[in-house]
mmCIF file of all heavy atoms, coordinates in Angstrom:
data_MODEL
# 
_entry.id   MODEL 
# 
loop_
_atom_site.group_PDB 
_atom_site.id 
_atom_site.type_symbol 
_atom_site.label_atom_id 
_atom_site.label_alt_id 
_atom_site.label_comp_id 
_atom_site.label_asym_id 
_atom_site.label_entity_id 
_atom_site.label_seq_id 
_atom_site.pdbx_PDB_ins_code 
_atom_site.Cartn_x 
_atom_site.Cartn_y 
_atom_site.Cartn_z 
_atom_site.occupancy 
_atom_site.B_iso_or_equiv 
_atom_site.pdbx_formal_charge 
_atom_site.auth_seq_id 
_atom_site.auth_comp_id 
_atom_site.auth_asym_id 
_atom_site.auth_atom_id 
_atom_site.pdbx_PDB_model_num 
ATOM 1   N N   . SER A 1 1  ? 6.308  12.539  7.528   1.00 0.00 ? 1  SER A N   1 
ATOM 2   C CA  . SER A 1 1  ? 5.394  11.484  7.989   1.00 0.00 ? 1  SER A CA  1 
ATOM 3   C C   . SER A 1 1  ? 4.179  11.353  7.071   1.00 0.00 ? 1  SER A C   1 
ATOM 4   O O   . SER A 1 1  ? 3.815  10.249  6.658   1.00 0.00 ? 1  SER A O   1 
ATOM 5   C CB  . SER A 1 1  ? 4.942  11.770  9.424   1.00 0.00 ? 1  SER A CB  1 
ATOM 6   O OG  . SER A 1 1  ? 6.047  11.727  10.314  1.00 0.00 ? 1  SER A OG  1 
ATOM 7   N N   . TYR A 1 2  ? 3.542  12.484  6.742   1.00 0.00 ? 2  TYR A N   1 
ATOM 8   C CA  . TYR A 1 2  ? 2.352  12.436  5.886   1.00 0.00 ? 2  TYR A CA  1 
ATOM 9   C C   . TYR A 1 2  ? 2.689  11.892  4.500   1.00 0.00 ? 2  TYR A C   1 
ATOM 10  O O   . TYR A 1 2  ? 1.890  11.159  3.897   1.00 0.00 ? 2  TYR A O   1 
ATOM 11  C CB  . TYR A 1 2  ? 1.720  13.817  5.767   1.00 0.00 ? 2  TYR A CB  1 
ATOM 12  C CG  . TYR A 1 2  ? 0.932  14.260  6.988   1.00 0.00 ? 2  TYR A CG  1 
ATOM 13  C CD1 . TYR A 1 2  ? 0.938  13.488  8.147   1.00 0.00 ? 2  TYR A CD1 1 
ATOM 14  C CD2 . TYR A 1 2  ? 0.186  15.428  6.979   1.00 0.00 ? 2  TYR A CD2 1 
ATOM 15  C CE1 . TYR A 1 2  ? 0.225  13.880  9.273   1.00 0.00 ? 2  TYR A CE1 1 
ATOM 16  C CE2 . TYR A 1 2  ? -0.540 15.832  8.089   1.00 0.00 ? 2  TYR A CE2 1 
ATOM 17  C CZ  . TYR A 1 2  ? -0.504 15.061  9.237   1.00 0.00 ? 2  TYR A CZ  1 
ATOM 18  O OH  . TYR A 1 2  ? -1.225 15.448  10.349  1.00 0.00 ? 2  TYR A OH  1 
ATOM 19  N N   . SER A 1 3  ? 3.857  12.261  3.992   1.00 0.00 ? 3  SER A N   1 
ATOM 20  C CA  . SER A 1 3  ? 4.286  11.734  2.693   1.00 0.00 ? 3  SER A CA  1 
ATOM 21  C C   . SER A 1 3  ? 4.478  10.228  2.758   1.00 0.00 ? 3  SER A C   1 
ATOM 22  O O   . SER A 1 3  ? 4.100  9.495   1.840   1.00 0.00 ? 3  SER A O   1 
ATOM 23  C CB  . SER A 1 3  ? 5.587  12.418  2.247   1.00 0.00 ? 3  SER A CB  1 
ATOM 24  O OG  . SER A 1 3  ? 5.405  13.810  2.093   1.00 0.00 ? 3  SER A OG  1 
ATOM 25  N N   . THR A 1 4  ? 5.056  9.765   3.865   1.00 0.00 ? 4  THR A N   1 
ATOM 26  C CA  . THR A 1 4  ? 5.243  8.326   4.064   1.00 0.00 ? 4  THR A CA  1 
ATOM 27  C C   . THR A 1 4  ? 3.896  7.616   4.135   1.00 0.00 ? 4  THR A C   1 
ATOM 28  O O   . THR A 1 4  ? 3.704  6.570   3.506   1.00 0.00 ? 4  THR A O   1 
ATOM 29  C CB  . THR A 1 4  ? 6.043  8.060   5.344   1.00 0.00 ? 4  THR A CB  1 
ATOM 30  O OG1 . THR A 1 4  ? 7.309  8.725   5.285   1.00 0.00 ? 4  THR A OG1 1 
ATOM 31  C CG2 . THR A 1 4  ? 6.285  6.559   5.530   1.00 0.00 ? 4  THR A CG2 1 
ATOM 32  N N   . TYR A 1 5  ? 2.945  8.187   4.890   1.00 0.00 ? 5  TYR A N   1 
ATOM 33  C CA  . TYR A 1 5  ? 1.622  7.564   5.008   1.00 0.00 ? 5  TYR A CA  1 
ATOM 34  C C   . TYR A 1 5  ? 0.937  7.474   3.646   1.00 0.00 ? 5  TYR A C   1 
ATOM 35  O O   . TYR A 1 5  ? 0.288  6.465   3.347   1.00 0.00 ? 5  TYR A O   1 
ATOM 36  C CB  . TYR A 1 5  ? 0.732  8.360   5.970   1.00 0.00 ? 5  TYR A CB  1 
ATOM 37  C CG  . TYR A 1 5  ? 1.299  8.522   7.362   1.00 0.00 ? 5  TYR A CG  1 
ATOM 38  C CD1 . TYR A 1 5  ? 0.922  9.600   8.157   1.00 0.00 ? 5  TYR A CD1 1 
ATOM 39  C CD2 . TYR A 1 5  ? 2.211  7.619   7.869   1.00 0.00 ? 5  TYR A CD2 1 
ATOM 40  C CE1 . TYR A 1 5  ? 1.437  9.766   9.421   1.00 0.00 ? 5  TYR A CE1 1 
ATOM 41  C CE2 . TYR A 1 5  ? 2.745  7.781   9.147   1.00 0.00 ? 5  TYR A CE2 1 
ATOM 42  C CZ  . TYR A 1 5  ? 2.359  8.857   9.904   1.00 0.00 ? 5  TYR A CZ  1 
ATOM 43  O OH  . TYR A 1 5  ? 2.881  9.021   11.171  1.00 0.00 ? 5  TYR A OH  1 
ATOM 44  N N   . PHE A 1 6  ? 1.075  8.524   2.833   1.00 0.00 ? 6  PHE A N   1 
ATOM 45  C CA  . PHE A 1 6  ? 0.461  8.501   1.506   1.00 0.00 ? 6  PHE A CA  1 
ATOM 46  C C   . PHE A 1 6  ? 1.045  7.386   0.651   1.00 0.00 ? 6  PHE A C   1 
ATOM 47  O O   . PHE A 1 6  ? 0.312  6.599   0.043   1.00 0.00 ? 6  PHE A O   1 
ATOM 48  C CB  . PHE A 1 6  ? 0.652  9.846   0.808   1.00 0.00 ? 6  PHE A CB  1 
ATOM 49  C CG  . PHE A 1 6  ? 0.237  9.829   -0.644  1.00 0.00 ? 6  PHE A CG  1 
ATOM 50  C CD1 . PHE A 1 6  ? -1.099 9.911   -1.004  1.00 0.00 ? 6  PHE A CD1 1 
ATOM 51  C CD2 . PHE A 1 6  ? 1.186  9.693   -1.656  1.00 0.00 ? 6  PHE A CD2 1 
ATOM 52  C CE1 . PHE A 1 6  ? -1.491 9.865   -2.338  1.00 0.00 ? 6  PHE A CE1 1 
ATOM 53  C CE2 . PHE A 1 6  ? 0.802  9.655   -2.988  1.00 0.00 ? 6  PHE A CE2 1 
ATOM 54  C CZ  . PHE A 1 6  ? -0.537 9.746   -3.326  1.00 0.00 ? 6  PHE A CZ  1 
ATOM 55  N N   . ILE A 1 7  ? 2.379  7.309   0.605   1.00 0.00 ? 7  ILE A N   1 
ATOM 56  C CA  . ILE A 1 7  ? 3.048  6.304   -0.228  1.00 0.00 ? 7  ILE A CA  1 
ATOM 57  C C   . ILE A 1 7  ? 2.687  4.896   0.231   1.00 0.00 ? 7  ILE A C   1 
ATOM 58  O O   . ILE A 1 7  ? 2.358  4.021   -0.579  1.00 0.00 ? 7  ILE A O   1 
ATOM 59  C CB  . ILE A 1 7  ? 4.571  6.521   -0.218  1.00 0.00 ? 7  ILE A CB  1 
ATOM 60  C CG1 . ILE A 1 7  ? 4.917  7.843   -0.920  1.00 0.00 ? 7  ILE A CG1 1 
ATOM 61  C CG2 . ILE A 1 7  ? 5.292  5.357   -0.902  1.00 0.00 ? 7  ILE A CG2 1 
ATOM 62  C CD1 . ILE A 1 7  ? 6.372  8.267   -0.765  1.00 0.00 ? 7  ILE A CD1 1 
ATOM 63  N N   . VAL A 1 8  ? 2.738  4.667   1.548   1.00 0.00 ? 8  VAL A N   1 
ATOM 64  C CA  . VAL A 1 8  ? 2.440  3.338   2.082   1.00 0.00 ? 8  VAL A CA  1 
ATOM 65  C C   . VAL A 1 8  ? 0.978  2.971   1.828   1.00 0.00 ? 8  VAL A C   1 
ATOM 66  O O   . VAL A 1 8  ? 0.662  1.834   1.457   1.00 0.00 ? 8  VAL A O   1 
ATOM 67  C CB  . VAL A 1 8  ? 2.774  3.262   3.588   1.00 0.00 ? 8  VAL A CB  1 
ATOM 68  C CG1 . VAL A 1 8  ? 2.322  1.917   4.164   1.00 0.00 ? 8  VAL A CG1 1 
ATOM 69  C CG2 . VAL A 1 8  ? 4.279  3.443   3.812   1.00 0.00 ? 8  VAL A CG2 1 
ATOM 70  N N   . SER A 1 9  ? 0.074  3.937   2.007   1.00 0.00 ? 9  SER A N   1 
ATOM 71  C CA  . SER A 1 9  ? -1.352 3.676   1.772   1.00 0.00 ? 9  SER A CA  1 
ATOM 72  C C   . SER A 1 9  ? -1.619 3.332   0.314   1.00 0.00 ? 9  SER A C   1 
ATOM 73  O O   . SER A 1 9  ? -2.406 2.433   0.007   1.00 0.00 ? 9  SER A O   1 
ATOM 74  C CB  . SER A 1 9  ? -2.189 4.894   2.180   1.00 0.00 ? 9  SER A CB  1 
ATOM 75  O OG  . SER A 1 9  ? -2.027 5.184   3.554   1.00 0.00 ? 9  SER A OG  1 
ATOM 76  N N   . ARG A 1 10 ? -0.959 4.071   -0.608  1.00 0.00 ? 10 ARG A N   1 
ATOM 77  C CA  . ARG A 1 10 ? -1.130 3.760   -2.022  1.00 0.00 ? 10 ARG A CA  1 
ATOM 78  C C   . ARG A 1 10 ? -0.486 2.424   -2.373  1.00 0.00 ? 10 ARG A C   1 
ATOM 79  O O   . ARG A 1 10 ? -0.948 1.719   -3.274  1.00 0.00 ? 10 ARG A O   1 
ATOM 80  C CB  . ARG A 1 10 ? -0.517 4.871   -2.894  1.00 0.00 ? 10 ARG A CB  1 
ATOM 81  C CG  . ARG A 1 10 ? -1.292 6.164   -2.840  1.00 0.00 ? 10 ARG A CG  1 
ATOM 82  C CD  . ARG A 1 10 ? -2.678 6.052   -3.470  1.00 0.00 ? 10 ARG A CD  1 
ATOM 83  N NE  . ARG A 1 10 ? -2.613 5.855   -4.897  1.00 0.00 ? 10 ARG A NE  1 
ATOM 84  C CZ  . ARG A 1 10 ? -3.074 4.790   -5.543  1.00 0.00 ? 10 ARG A CZ  1 
ATOM 85  N NH1 . ARG A 1 10 ? -3.669 3.827   -4.880  1.00 0.00 ? 10 ARG A NH1 1 
ATOM 86  N NH2 . ARG A 1 10 ? -2.970 4.703   -6.852  1.00 0.00 ? 10 ARG A NH2 1 
ATOM 87  N N   . PHE A 1 11 ? 0.544  2.049   -1.624  1.00 0.00 ? 11 PHE A N   1 
ATOM 88  C CA  . PHE A 1 11 ? 1.178  0.756   -1.876  1.00 0.00 ? 11 PHE A CA  1 
ATOM 89  C C   . PHE A 1 11 ? 0.255  -0.389  -1.489  1.00 0.00 ? 11 PHE A C   1 
ATOM 90  O O   . PHE A 1 11 ? 0.048  -1.318  -2.266  1.00 0.00 ? 11 PHE A O   1 
ATOM 91  C CB  . PHE A 1 11 ? 2.504  0.655   -1.109  1.00 0.00 ? 11 PHE A CB  1 
ATOM 92  C CG  . PHE A 1 11 ? 3.170  -0.691  -1.260  1.00 0.00 ? 11 PHE A CG  1 
ATOM 93  C CD1 . PHE A 1 11 ? 3.944  -0.975  -2.377  1.00 0.00 ? 11 PHE A CD1 1 
ATOM 94  C CD2 . PHE A 1 11 ? 3.019  -1.679  -0.294  1.00 0.00 ? 11 PHE A CD2 1 
ATOM 95  C CE1 . PHE A 1 11 ? 4.552  -2.219  -2.537  1.00 0.00 ? 11 PHE A CE1 1 
ATOM 96  C CE2 . PHE A 1 11 ? 3.624  -2.923  -0.434  1.00 0.00 ? 11 PHE A CE2 1 
ATOM 97  C CZ  . PHE A 1 11 ? 4.388  -3.182  -1.554  1.00 0.00 ? 11 PHE A CZ  1 
ATOM 98  N N   . ILE A 1 12 ? -0.314 -0.334  -0.282  1.00 0.00 ? 12 ILE A N   1 
ATOM 99  C CA  . ILE A 1 12 ? -1.129 -1.459  0.178   1.00 0.00 ? 12 ILE A CA  1 
ATOM 100 C C   . ILE A 1 12 ? -2.469 -1.548  -0.549  1.00 0.00 ? 12 ILE A C   1 
ATOM 101 O O   . ILE A 1 12 ? -3.134 -2.577  -0.483  1.00 0.00 ? 12 ILE A O   1 
ATOM 102 C CB  . ILE A 1 12 ? -1.357 -1.441  1.707   1.00 0.00 ? 12 ILE A CB  1 
ATOM 103 C CG1 . ILE A 1 12 ? -2.145 -0.198  2.131   1.00 0.00 ? 12 ILE A CG1 1 
ATOM 104 C CG2 . ILE A 1 12 ? -0.034 -1.528  2.439   1.00 0.00 ? 12 ILE A CG2 1 
ATOM 105 C CD1 . ILE A 1 12 ? -2.465 -0.194  3.626   1.00 0.00 ? 12 ILE A CD1 1 
ATOM 106 N N   . SER A 1 13 ? -2.855 -0.475  -1.253  1.00 0.00 ? 13 SER A N   1 
ATOM 107 C CA  . SER A 1 13 ? -4.088 -0.551  -2.045  1.00 0.00 ? 13 SER A CA  1 
ATOM 108 C C   . SER A 1 13 ? -3.870 -1.294  -3.364  1.00 0.00 ? 13 SER A C   1 
ATOM 109 O O   . SER A 1 13 ? -4.843 -1.681  -4.019  1.00 0.00 ? 13 SER A O   1 
ATOM 110 C CB  . SER A 1 13 ? -4.633 0.849   -2.338  1.00 0.00 ? 13 SER A CB  1 
ATOM 111 O OG  . SER A 1 13 ? -3.799 1.557   -3.243  1.00 0.00 ? 13 SER A OG  1 
ATOM 112 N N   . GLN A 1 14 ? -2.598 -1.500  -3.757  1.00 0.00 ? 14 GLN A N   1 
ATOM 113 C CA  . GLN A 1 14 ? -2.308 -2.223  -4.992  1.00 0.00 ? 14 GLN A CA  1 
ATOM 114 C C   . GLN A 1 14 ? -2.671 -3.697  -4.835  1.00 0.00 ? 14 GLN A C   1 
ATOM 115 O O   . GLN A 1 14 ? -2.434 -4.299  -3.776  1.00 0.00 ? 14 GLN A O   1 
ATOM 116 C CB  . GLN A 1 14 ? -0.824 -2.096  -5.364  1.00 0.00 ? 14 GLN A CB  1 
ATOM 117 C CG  . GLN A 1 14 ? -0.311 -0.666  -5.484  1.00 0.00 ? 14 GLN A CG  1 
ATOM 118 C CD  . GLN A 1 14 ? -1.049 0.106   -6.543  1.00 0.00 ? 14 GLN A CD  1 
ATOM 119 O OE1 . GLN A 1 14 ? -1.252 -0.363  -7.667  1.00 0.00 ? 14 GLN A OE1 1 
ATOM 120 N NE2 . GLN A 1 14 ? -1.457 1.330   -6.204  1.00 0.00 ? 14 GLN A NE2 1 
ATOM 121 N N   . THR A 1 15 ? -3.247 -4.264  -5.876  1.00 0.00 ? 15 THR A N   1 
ATOM 122 C CA  . THR A 1 15 ? -3.677 -5.658  -5.817  1.00 0.00 ? 15 THR A CA  1 
ATOM 123 C C   . THR A 1 15 ? -3.106 -6.468  -6.982  1.00 0.00 ? 15 THR A C   1 
ATOM 124 O O   . THR A 1 15 ? -2.925 -5.954  -8.083  1.00 0.00 ? 15 THR A O   1 
ATOM 125 C CB  . THR A 1 15 ? -5.209 -5.768  -5.837  1.00 0.00 ? 15 THR A CB  1 
ATOM 126 O OG1 . THR A 1 15 ? -5.716 -5.142  -7.034  1.00 0.00 ? 15 THR A OG1 1 
ATOM 127 C CG2 . THR A 1 15 ? -5.821 -5.131  -4.612  1.00 0.00 ? 15 THR A CG2 1 
ATOM 128 N N   . VAL A 1 16 ? -2.828 -7.716  -6.709  1.00 0.00 ? 16 VAL A N   1 
ATOM 129 C CA  . VAL A 1 16 ? -2.416 -8.698  -7.717  1.00 0.00 ? 16 VAL A CA  1 
ATOM 130 C C   . VAL A 1 16 ? -3.299 -9.923  -7.532  1.00 0.00 ? 16 VAL A C   1 
ATOM 131 O O   . VAL A 1 16 ? -3.323 -10.513 -6.445  1.00 0.00 ? 16 VAL A O   1 
ATOM 132 C CB  . VAL A 1 16 ? -0.924 -9.077  -7.568  1.00 0.00 ? 16 VAL A CB  1 
ATOM 133 C CG1 . VAL A 1 16 ? -0.563 -10.205 -8.520  1.00 0.00 ? 16 VAL A CG1 1 
ATOM 134 C CG2 . VAL A 1 16 ? -0.043 -7.875  -7.814  1.00 0.00 ? 16 VAL A CG2 1 
ATOM 135 N N   . ASN A 1 17 ? -4.043 -10.259 -8.564  1.00 0.00 ? 17 ASN A N   1 
ATOM 136 C CA  . ASN A 1 17 ? -5.003 -11.372 -8.493  1.00 0.00 ? 17 ASN A CA  1 
ATOM 137 C C   . ASN A 1 17 ? -5.960 -11.218 -7.311  1.00 0.00 ? 17 ASN A C   1 
ATOM 138 O O   . ASN A 1 17 ? -6.307 -12.188 -6.621  1.00 0.00 ? 17 ASN A O   1 
ATOM 139 C CB  . ASN A 1 17 ? -4.266 -12.711 -8.397  1.00 0.00 ? 17 ASN A CB  1 
ATOM 140 C CG  . ASN A 1 17 ? -3.455 -13.019 -9.641  1.00 0.00 ? 17 ASN A CG  1 
ATOM 141 O OD1 . ASN A 1 17 ? -3.758 -12.547 -10.733 1.00 0.00 ? 17 ASN A OD1 1 
ATOM 142 N ND2 . ASN A 1 17 ? -2.395 -13.813 -9.476  1.00 0.00 ? 17 ASN A ND2 1 
ATOM 143 N N   . GLY A 1 18 ? -6.369 -9.973  -7.072  1.00 0.00 ? 18 GLY A N   1 
ATOM 144 C CA  . GLY A 1 18 ? -7.330 -9.699  -6.011  1.00 0.00 ? 18 GLY A CA  1 
ATOM 145 C C   . GLY A 1 18 ? -6.755 -9.636  -4.613  1.00 0.00 ? 18 GLY A C   1 
ATOM 146 O O   . GLY A 1 18 ? -7.486 -9.371  -3.657  1.00 0.00 ? 18 GLY A O   1 
ATOM 147 N N   . LYS A 1 19 ? -5.462 -9.868  -4.447  1.00 0.00 ? 19 LYS A N   1 
ATOM 148 C CA  . LYS A 1 19 ? -4.805 -9.818  -3.142  1.00 0.00 ? 19 LYS A CA  1 
ATOM 149 C C   . LYS A 1 19 ? -4.034 -8.514  -2.974  1.00 0.00 ? 19 LYS A C   1 
ATOM 150 O O   . LYS A 1 19 ? -3.315 -8.087  -3.880  1.00 0.00 ? 19 LYS A O   1 
ATOM 151 C CB  . LYS A 1 19 ? -3.857 -11.013 -2.959  1.00 0.00 ? 19 LYS A CB  1 
ATOM 152 C CG  . LYS A 1 19 ? -4.571 -12.355 -2.812  1.00 0.00 ? 19 LYS A CG  1 
ATOM 153 C CD  . LYS A 1 19 ? -3.566 -13.447 -2.537  1.00 0.00 ? 19 LYS A CD  1 
ATOM 154 C CE  . LYS A 1 19 ? -4.261 -14.797 -2.313  1.00 0.00 ? 19 LYS A CE  1 
ATOM 155 N NZ  . LYS A 1 19 ? -5.043 -14.812 -1.063  1.00 0.00 ? 19 LYS A NZ  1 
ATOM 156 N N   . HIS A 1 20 ? -4.178 -7.892  -1.811  1.00 0.00 ? 20 HIS A N   1 
ATOM 157 C CA  . HIS A 1 20 ? -3.519 -6.633  -1.530  1.00 0.00 ? 20 HIS A CA  1 
ATOM 158 C C   . HIS A 1 20 ? -2.007 -6.804  -1.344  1.00 0.00 ? 20 HIS A C   1 
ATOM 159 O O   . HIS A 1 20 ? -1.543 -7.829  -0.836  1.00 0.00 ? 20 HIS A O   1 
ATOM 160 C CB  . HIS A 1 20 ? -4.087 -6.009  -0.247  1.00 0.00 ? 20 HIS A CB  1 
ATOM 161 C CG  . HIS A 1 20 ? -5.406 -5.319  -0.453  1.00 0.00 ? 20 HIS A CG  1 
ATOM 162 N ND1 . HIS A 1 20 ? -5.516 -3.992  -0.738  1.00 0.00 ? 20 HIS A ND1 1 
ATOM 163 C CD2 . HIS A 1 20 ? -6.662 -5.793  -0.426  1.00 0.00 ? 20 HIS A CD2 1 
ATOM 164 C CE1 . HIS A 1 20 ? -6.804 -3.673  -0.860  1.00 0.00 ? 20 HIS A CE1 1 
ATOM 165 N NE2 . HIS A 1 20 ? -7.513 -4.746  -0.674  1.00 0.00 ? 20 HIS A NE2 1 
ATOM 166 N N   . ALA A 1 21 ? -1.294 -5.769  -1.758  1.00 0.00 ? 21 ALA A N   1 
ATOM 167 C CA  . ALA A 1 21 ? 0.127  -5.693  -1.403  1.00 0.00 ? 21 ALA A CA  1 
ATOM 168 C C   . ALA A 1 21 ? 0.244  -5.672  0.120   1.00 0.00 ? 21 ALA A C   1 
ATOM 169 O O   . ALA A 1 21 ? -0.599 -5.106  0.810   1.00 0.00 ? 21 ALA A O   1 
ATOM 170 C CB  . ALA A 1 21 ? 0.754  -4.444  -2.017  1.00 0.00 ? 21 ALA A CB  1 
ATOM 171 N N   . LYS A 1 22 ? 1.306  -6.271  0.642   1.00 0.00 ? 22 LYS A N   1 
ATOM 172 C CA  . LYS A 1 22 ? 1.446  -6.418  2.085   1.00 0.00 ? 22 LYS A CA  1 
ATOM 173 C C   . LYS A 1 22 ? 2.621  -5.605  2.617   1.00 0.00 ? 22 LYS A C   1 
ATOM 174 O O   . LYS A 1 22 ? 3.638  -5.437  1.949   1.00 0.00 ? 22 LYS A O   1 
ATOM 175 C CB  . LYS A 1 22 ? 1.634  -7.891  2.459   1.00 0.00 ? 22 LYS A CB  1 
ATOM 176 C CG  . LYS A 1 22 ? 0.416  -8.762  2.180   1.00 0.00 ? 22 LYS A CG  1 
ATOM 177 C CD  . LYS A 1 22 ? 0.644  -10.178 2.649   1.00 0.00 ? 22 LYS A CD  1 
ATOM 178 C CE  . LYS A 1 22 ? -0.593 -11.049 2.380   1.00 0.00 ? 22 LYS A CE  1 
ATOM 179 N NZ  . LYS A 1 22 ? -0.396 -12.428 2.879   1.00 0.00 ? 22 LYS A NZ  1 
ATOM 180 N N   . ILE A 1 23 ? 2.453  -5.114  3.830   1.00 0.00 ? 23 ILE A N   1 
ATOM 181 C CA  . ILE A 1 23 ? 3.525  -4.390  4.498   1.00 0.00 ? 23 ILE A CA  1 
ATOM 182 C C   . ILE A 1 23 ? 3.886  -5.068  5.808   1.00 0.00 ? 23 ILE A C   1 
ATOM 183 O O   . ILE A 1 23 ? 3.067  -5.746  6.435   1.00 0.00 ? 23 ILE A O   1 
ATOM 184 C CB  . ILE A 1 23 ? 3.161  -2.913  4.778   1.00 0.00 ? 23 ILE A CB  1 
ATOM 185 C CG1 . ILE A 1 23 ? 1.904  -2.825  5.659   1.00 0.00 ? 23 ILE A CG1 1 
ATOM 186 C CG2 . ILE A 1 23 ? 2.983  -2.142  3.475   1.00 0.00 ? 23 ILE A CG2 1 
ATOM 187 C CD1 . ILE A 1 23 ? 1.650  -1.415  6.191   1.00 0.00 ? 23 ILE A CD1 1 
ATOM 188 N N   . TYR A 1 24 ? 5.135  -4.881  6.203   1.00 0.00 ? 24 TYR A N   1 
ATOM 189 C CA  . TYR A 1 24 ? 5.636  -5.268  7.514   1.00 0.00 ? 24 TYR A CA  1 
ATOM 190 C C   . TYR A 1 24 ? 6.294  -4.020  8.100   1.00 0.00 ? 24 TYR A C   1 
ATOM 191 O O   . TYR A 1 24 ? 7.070  -3.342  7.414   1.00 0.00 ? 24 TYR A O   1 
ATOM 192 C CB  . TYR A 1 24 ? 6.627  -6.421  7.421   1.00 0.00 ? 24 TYR A CB  1 
ATOM 193 C CG  . TYR A 1 24 ? 5.987  -7.730  7.005   1.00 0.00 ? 24 TYR A CG  1 
ATOM 194 C CD1 . TYR A 1 24 ? 5.764  -8.024  5.666   1.00 0.00 ? 24 TYR A CD1 1 
ATOM 195 C CD2 . TYR A 1 24 ? 5.593  -8.660  7.956   1.00 0.00 ? 24 TYR A CD2 1 
ATOM 196 C CE1 . TYR A 1 24 ? 5.154  -9.203  5.274   1.00 0.00 ? 24 TYR A CE1 1 
ATOM 197 C CE2 . TYR A 1 24 ? 4.986  -9.863  7.586   1.00 0.00 ? 24 TYR A CE2 1 
ATOM 198 C CZ  . TYR A 1 24 ? 4.773  -10.120 6.245   1.00 0.00 ? 24 TYR A CZ  1 
ATOM 199 O OH  . TYR A 1 24 ? 4.164  -11.310 5.876   1.00 0.00 ? 24 TYR A OH  1 
# 
């Protein structure tokens, strides 16, 4: 679970043209 939270958190912090990566 903690590994998943880390990966997902680092994913949504990524930005393209100032917009955050999105999760569902």
